[in-house]
Protein backbone atom coordinates (compact mmCIF):
# COMPACT_ATOMS: atom_id res chain seq x y z
CA MET A 1 5.66 -10.17 -18.39
CA GLU A 2 5.33 -11.90 -15.00
CA VAL A 3 7.88 -14.69 -14.48
CA ILE A 4 9.08 -16.67 -11.48
CA GLN A 5 11.18 -14.72 -9.01
CA GLY A 6 14.37 -16.67 -9.75
CA LEU A 7 14.36 -15.55 -13.37
CA ASP A 8 13.59 -11.98 -12.36
CA LEU A 9 16.64 -11.92 -10.10
CA ALA A 10 19.03 -13.64 -12.54
CA ILE A 11 18.11 -11.90 -15.79
CA ALA A 12 18.65 -8.50 -14.19
CA LEU A 13 22.35 -9.45 -13.86
CA MET A 14 22.81 -10.52 -17.49
CA ASP A 15 24.19 -8.58 -20.46
CA VAL A 16 22.60 -8.38 -23.91
CA ASP A 17 23.48 -11.43 -26.10
CA GLU A 18 24.66 -13.34 -23.03
CA VAL A 19 23.65 -17.00 -22.71
CA ALA A 20 23.34 -18.42 -19.20
CA GLU A 21 22.22 -21.55 -17.44
CA ILE A 22 20.00 -20.52 -14.54
CA ILE A 23 19.25 -23.04 -11.80
CA VAL A 24 16.32 -21.93 -9.66
CA ASP A 25 15.69 -23.26 -6.17
CA PRO A 26 12.07 -24.28 -5.39
CA ARG A 27 11.73 -21.32 -3.04
CA PHE A 28 12.23 -18.93 -5.99
CA ALA A 29 10.25 -21.08 -8.46
CA TYR A 30 6.98 -22.91 -7.72
CA GLY A 31 7.59 -23.78 -4.09
CA LYS A 32 6.04 -26.60 -2.09
CA GLN A 33 2.80 -26.58 -4.07
CA GLY A 34 4.25 -26.71 -7.57
CA LYS A 35 2.25 -25.95 -10.68
CA LYS A 36 1.17 -28.53 -13.23
CA PRO A 37 3.14 -30.09 -14.83
CA ILE A 38 5.88 -28.96 -12.41
CA PRO A 39 5.88 -31.08 -9.21
CA PRO A 40 6.21 -29.65 -5.68
CA ASP A 41 9.69 -28.70 -4.42
CA ALA A 42 11.15 -28.85 -7.94
CA THR A 43 14.51 -27.27 -8.77
CA ILE A 44 14.26 -25.86 -12.30
CA THR A 45 17.07 -25.33 -14.81
CA TYR A 46 16.68 -22.75 -17.60
CA MET A 47 18.87 -21.95 -20.57
CA VAL A 48 18.38 -18.25 -21.22
CA GLU A 49 19.69 -15.93 -23.93
CA LEU A 50 19.12 -12.23 -23.39
CA LYS A 51 18.30 -10.76 -26.81
CA ALA A 52 17.43 -7.18 -25.88
CA VAL A 53 16.59 -4.88 -22.98
CA GLU A 54 13.65 -2.49 -23.07
CA LEU A 55 12.53 -0.17 -20.32
CA GLU A 56 9.01 -0.60 -19.01
CA PRO A 57 6.73 2.06 -20.53
CA GLU A 58 5.78 4.97 -18.32
CA ILE A 59 2.39 4.44 -16.75
CA GLU A 60 1.34 7.93 -17.84
CA THR A 61 1.67 6.99 -21.51
CA LEU A 62 -0.58 3.92 -21.31
CA SER A 63 -4.23 3.74 -22.26
CA ILE A 64 -6.93 2.55 -19.88
CA SER A 65 -7.02 -0.92 -21.48
CA GLN A 66 -3.21 -1.25 -21.30
CA ARG A 67 -3.16 -0.24 -17.64
CA ARG A 68 -5.88 -2.72 -16.78
CA GLU A 69 -4.16 -5.53 -18.66
CA ILE A 70 -0.85 -5.03 -16.82
CA SER A 71 -2.54 -4.43 -13.49
CA ASN A 72 -4.66 -7.58 -13.76
CA LYS A 73 -1.56 -9.65 -14.50
CA LYS A 74 0.14 -8.29 -11.41
CA ARG A 75 -2.98 -8.86 -9.30
CA GLU A 76 -3.25 -12.45 -10.54
CA ARG A 77 0.43 -12.94 -9.80
CA GLY A 78 -0.21 -11.59 -6.32
CA ASN A 79 -3.03 -14.11 -5.91
CA TRP A 80 -0.64 -16.86 -7.00
CA TRP A 81 1.83 -15.86 -4.29
CA PHE A 82 -0.96 -15.46 -1.73
CA VAL A 83 -2.21 -19.02 -2.22
CA ARG A 84 1.35 -20.20 -1.56
CA MET A 85 1.50 -17.97 1.54
CA GLU A 86 4.47 -16.04 0.11
CA LEU A 87 2.95 -12.89 1.52
CA PRO A 88 5.75 -10.32 0.94
CA PHE A 89 5.74 -11.19 -2.78
CA ALA A 90 1.94 -11.06 -2.91
CA ILE A 91 1.88 -7.64 -1.21
CA GLN A 92 4.50 -6.33 -3.62
CA CYS A 93 2.45 -7.47 -6.63
CA TYR A 94 -0.77 -5.95 -5.29
CA ARG A 95 0.89 -2.60 -4.60
CA ARG A 96 2.42 -2.55 -8.05
CA ALA A 97 -0.99 -3.37 -9.55
CA LEU A 98 -2.50 -0.34 -7.82
CA GLU A 99 0.07 1.95 -9.43
CA TYR A 100 -1.33 1.12 -12.85
CA LEU A 101 -4.90 1.92 -11.78
CA SER A 102 -4.40 5.57 -10.93
CA SER A 103 -6.85 7.88 -12.69
CA ALA A 104 -4.24 10.58 -13.24
CA LYS A 105 -1.31 10.55 -15.66
CA SER A 106 0.85 12.92 -13.63
CA ASN A 107 0.67 15.63 -11.01
CA THR A 108 1.18 18.36 -13.61
CA ASN A 109 -1.71 17.43 -15.88
CA GLN A 110 -4.04 15.60 -13.50
CA ASN A 111 -7.09 17.69 -14.38
CA GLU A 112 -6.49 17.23 -18.10
CA GLU A 113 -6.14 13.47 -17.62
CA GLU A 114 -9.31 13.14 -15.60
CA ASP A 115 -11.15 15.17 -18.24
CA SER A 116 -9.81 12.86 -20.98
CA PHE A 117 -11.23 9.77 -19.23
CA SER A 118 -14.90 9.04 -19.60
CA ASP A 119 -17.05 8.29 -16.54
CA ALA A 120 -17.29 4.68 -17.69
CA GLU A 121 -13.49 4.36 -17.87
CA LEU A 122 -13.02 5.89 -14.43
CA GLN A 123 -15.65 3.51 -13.04
CA ILE A 124 -13.78 0.54 -14.52
CA LEU A 125 -10.53 1.70 -12.92
CA LEU A 126 -12.32 2.15 -9.61
CA GLU A 127 -13.78 -1.38 -9.69
CA ASP A 128 -10.36 -2.84 -10.43
CA ARG A 129 -8.81 -0.85 -7.59
CA ILE A 130 -11.46 -2.18 -5.20
CA LYS A 131 -10.48 -5.76 -6.07
CA VAL A 132 -6.80 -5.06 -5.46
CA HIS A 133 -7.38 -3.16 -2.20
CA ASN A 134 -9.47 -6.07 -0.92
CA ASN A 135 -6.79 -8.61 -1.82
CA LEU A 136 -4.03 -6.44 -0.39
CA ALA A 137 -5.96 -6.11 2.88
CA ALA A 138 -6.25 -9.91 3.11
CA ALA A 139 -2.49 -10.33 2.67
CA LEU A 140 -1.69 -7.59 5.20
CA ILE A 141 -3.98 -9.22 7.78
CA LYS A 142 -1.96 -12.43 7.43
CA THR A 143 1.23 -10.47 8.22
CA GLU A 144 -0.47 -8.78 11.21
CA ALA A 145 -0.09 -5.35 9.61
CA TYR A 146 -3.55 -4.44 10.87
CA ASP A 147 -3.40 -0.65 10.47
CA ALA A 148 -2.27 -0.90 6.85
CA ALA A 149 -4.92 -3.56 6.18
CA LEU A 150 -7.60 -1.34 7.71
CA GLU A 151 -6.53 1.55 5.49
CA ASN A 152 -7.04 -0.59 2.37
CA VAL A 153 -10.41 -1.81 3.62
CA GLU A 154 -11.54 1.78 4.17
CA HIS A 155 -10.64 2.58 0.55
CA VAL A 156 -13.15 -0.07 -0.51
CA LEU A 157 -15.89 0.92 1.92
CA ARG A 158 -15.73 4.58 0.91
CA CYS A 159 -16.78 3.49 -2.58
CA GLN A 160 -18.90 0.46 -1.66
CA PRO A 161 -20.18 0.74 1.93
CA GLN A 162 -21.89 -2.65 1.71
CA ASN A 163 -18.99 -4.60 0.18
CA VAL A 164 -19.23 -7.94 2.05
CA LYS A 165 -15.56 -8.87 1.77
CA ALA A 166 -14.42 -5.47 3.00
CA LEU A 167 -16.90 -5.48 5.90
CA PHE A 168 -15.80 -8.97 6.96
CA ARG A 169 -12.13 -7.99 6.82
CA LYS A 170 -12.77 -4.79 8.76
CA GLY A 171 -14.60 -6.74 11.47
CA THR A 172 -11.78 -9.28 11.57
CA ILE A 173 -9.12 -6.56 11.85
CA LEU A 174 -10.96 -4.83 14.69
CA ARG A 175 -11.38 -8.14 16.53
CA LEU A 176 -7.69 -8.95 16.16
CA LYS A 177 -6.82 -5.46 17.44
CA GLY A 178 -8.97 -6.07 20.51
CA GLU A 179 -11.59 -3.46 19.54
CA TYR A 180 -14.44 -5.87 20.25
CA ALA A 181 -17.31 -3.36 20.47
CA LYS A 182 -16.48 -1.89 17.04
CA ALA A 183 -16.06 -5.36 15.57
CA TYR A 184 -19.43 -6.41 17.03
CA ALA A 185 -21.09 -3.44 15.32
CA ILE A 186 -19.54 -4.40 11.96
CA PHE A 187 -20.65 -8.03 12.13
CA THR A 188 -24.11 -6.95 13.28
CA GLU A 189 -24.36 -4.80 10.15
CA MET A 190 -23.16 -7.73 8.03
CA GLN A 191 -25.80 -9.99 9.57
CA ARG A 192 -28.46 -7.40 8.79
CA LEU A 193 -27.32 -7.26 5.15
CA ASN A 194 -26.81 -11.03 4.84
CA PRO A 195 -28.98 -12.91 7.37
CA GLU A 196 -27.94 -16.29 5.94
CA MET A 197 -24.19 -15.80 6.56
CA LYS A 198 -23.49 -18.25 9.39
CA ILE A 199 -20.00 -16.88 9.94
CA CYS A 200 -21.53 -13.62 11.20
CA THR A 201 -23.43 -15.51 13.89
CA THR A 202 -20.24 -17.31 14.92
CA GLU A 203 -18.27 -14.07 15.11
CA LEU A 204 -21.03 -12.35 17.09
CA ILE A 205 -21.14 -15.17 19.66
CA THR A 206 -17.36 -15.00 20.08
CA LEU A 207 -17.37 -11.21 20.38
CA LYS A 208 -20.27 -11.22 22.84
CA ASP A 209 -18.30 -13.56 25.09
CA LYS A 210 -15.20 -11.34 24.87
CA LEU A 211 -17.24 -8.21 25.65
CA SER A 212 -18.78 -9.93 28.67
CA LYS A 213 -15.35 -10.90 29.99
CA ASP A 214 -14.04 -7.37 29.42
CA ALA A 215 -17.02 -5.94 31.32
CA LYS A 216 -16.28 -8.20 34.30
CA LYS A 217 -12.61 -7.17 34.26
CA GLU A 218 -13.56 -3.48 34.21
CA LYS A 219 -16.02 -3.96 37.04
CA HIS A 220 -13.34 -5.69 39.12
CA LEU A 221 -10.87 -2.92 38.32
CA TYR A 222 -13.30 -0.17 39.39
CA ARG A 223 -14.03 -1.98 42.65
CA LYS A 224 -10.31 -2.29 43.27
CA MET A 225 -9.79 1.44 42.58
CA LEU A 226 -12.49 2.25 45.15
CA GLY A 227 -10.86 0.00 47.72
CA VAL A 228 -13.63 -2.57 47.63
CA VAL A 229 -12.25 -6.06 48.20
CA GLU A 230 -14.40 -9.00 47.21
CA ASP A 231 -14.55 -11.89 49.68
CA THR A 232 -15.37 -15.01 47.75
CA LYS A 233 -15.50 -17.18 50.88
CA ASN A 234 -18.16 -15.24 52.75
CA SER A 235 -21.47 -14.36 51.17
CA SER A 236 -23.25 -11.07 51.77
CA LYS A 237 -25.68 -12.85 54.11
CA ASN A 238 -22.98 -13.21 56.74
CA VAL A 239 -22.28 -9.48 56.84
CA LYS A 240 -23.78 -7.69 59.82
CA PRO A 241 -26.12 -4.68 59.26
CA ASP A 242 -23.68 -2.34 61.08
CA ASP A 243 -20.84 -3.51 58.84
CA LYS A 244 -22.97 -2.84 55.76
CA LYS A 245 -23.65 0.73 56.93
CA LYS A 246 -19.94 1.34 57.57
CA PHE A 247 -19.10 -0.14 54.19
CA THR A 248 -21.66 2.09 52.42
CA LYS A 249 -20.43 5.20 54.25
CA GLY A 250 -16.84 4.34 53.31
CA ILE A 251 -17.72 4.20 49.62
CA PHE A 252 -19.72 7.43 49.90
CA TRP A 253 -16.85 9.40 51.43
CA THR A 254 -14.38 7.86 48.97
CA LEU A 255 -16.51 9.09 46.07
CA VAL A 256 -16.94 12.52 47.67
CA GLY A 257 -13.18 12.79 48.10
CA ALA A 258 -12.52 11.76 44.51
CA ALA A 259 -15.10 14.26 43.22
CA SER A 260 -13.53 17.05 45.29
CA VAL A 261 -10.06 16.35 43.89
CA ALA A 262 -11.45 16.32 40.35
CA ALA A 263 -13.26 19.64 40.91
CA VAL A 264 -10.13 21.30 42.25
CA SER A 265 -8.10 19.98 39.31
CA ILE A 266 -10.59 21.39 36.79
CA PHE A 267 -10.64 24.74 38.60
CA VAL A 268 -6.84 24.99 38.58
CA HIS A 269 -6.58 23.91 34.95
CA LYS A 270 -9.20 26.46 33.89
CA PHE A 271 -7.31 29.41 35.28
CA ILE A 272 -3.78 28.29 34.50
CA SER A 273 -4.19 27.03 30.91
């Protein structure tokens, strides 16, 4: 059963047959948003009697329907936390939900387990996992855990290469990581699959601008490496023909020198490695 975090923390400290008054701070209850009929920022008082303690059943002993039922509750609880921007709790719920959607009962009898599941049952588990991976990726993006988010997105795209949510999140992750060219390719693919999605057009315009700025920076860097200094005050029209020839020869011999050093380095590496 999924309960508010305050009860989870308190009940774990109780003994069987113990009666306790538990006062839960809004942070560990329903937070700033509340939940009808509970108002926002409400401190809640519970009177709790612990009747019995039972261990959670081993996942390996559960049927497909039981696993899905528990997993869906944990996913929905994760969504509840996500809406309230309690991201660590949401991530914890999503990861726990995934544990119940494994297609194998244990490492020792994995083949037997997979044989005991029908193709339809395995497909159902897969579809549920895709939902959770997508949600988990969204929460991880919010925490700036981009590599972990990308890993979850790739899980989805391996099964559903045209999953719109996963493609959008992958493009977003790549953009946030500064991999603009890869992100541009993802949003271009999304636009091809969904021409009416205006957000793709917006993302592509933004990425195109960033790529253009990066290209200018690289061009400036290369010119600086070659010793070419741009004079913004004087235009090229004011440069004398003789100066242009000297300038061109300077670049030529600079490139020849760089090529010679590279050739010698390759030659040495080839015979020493």
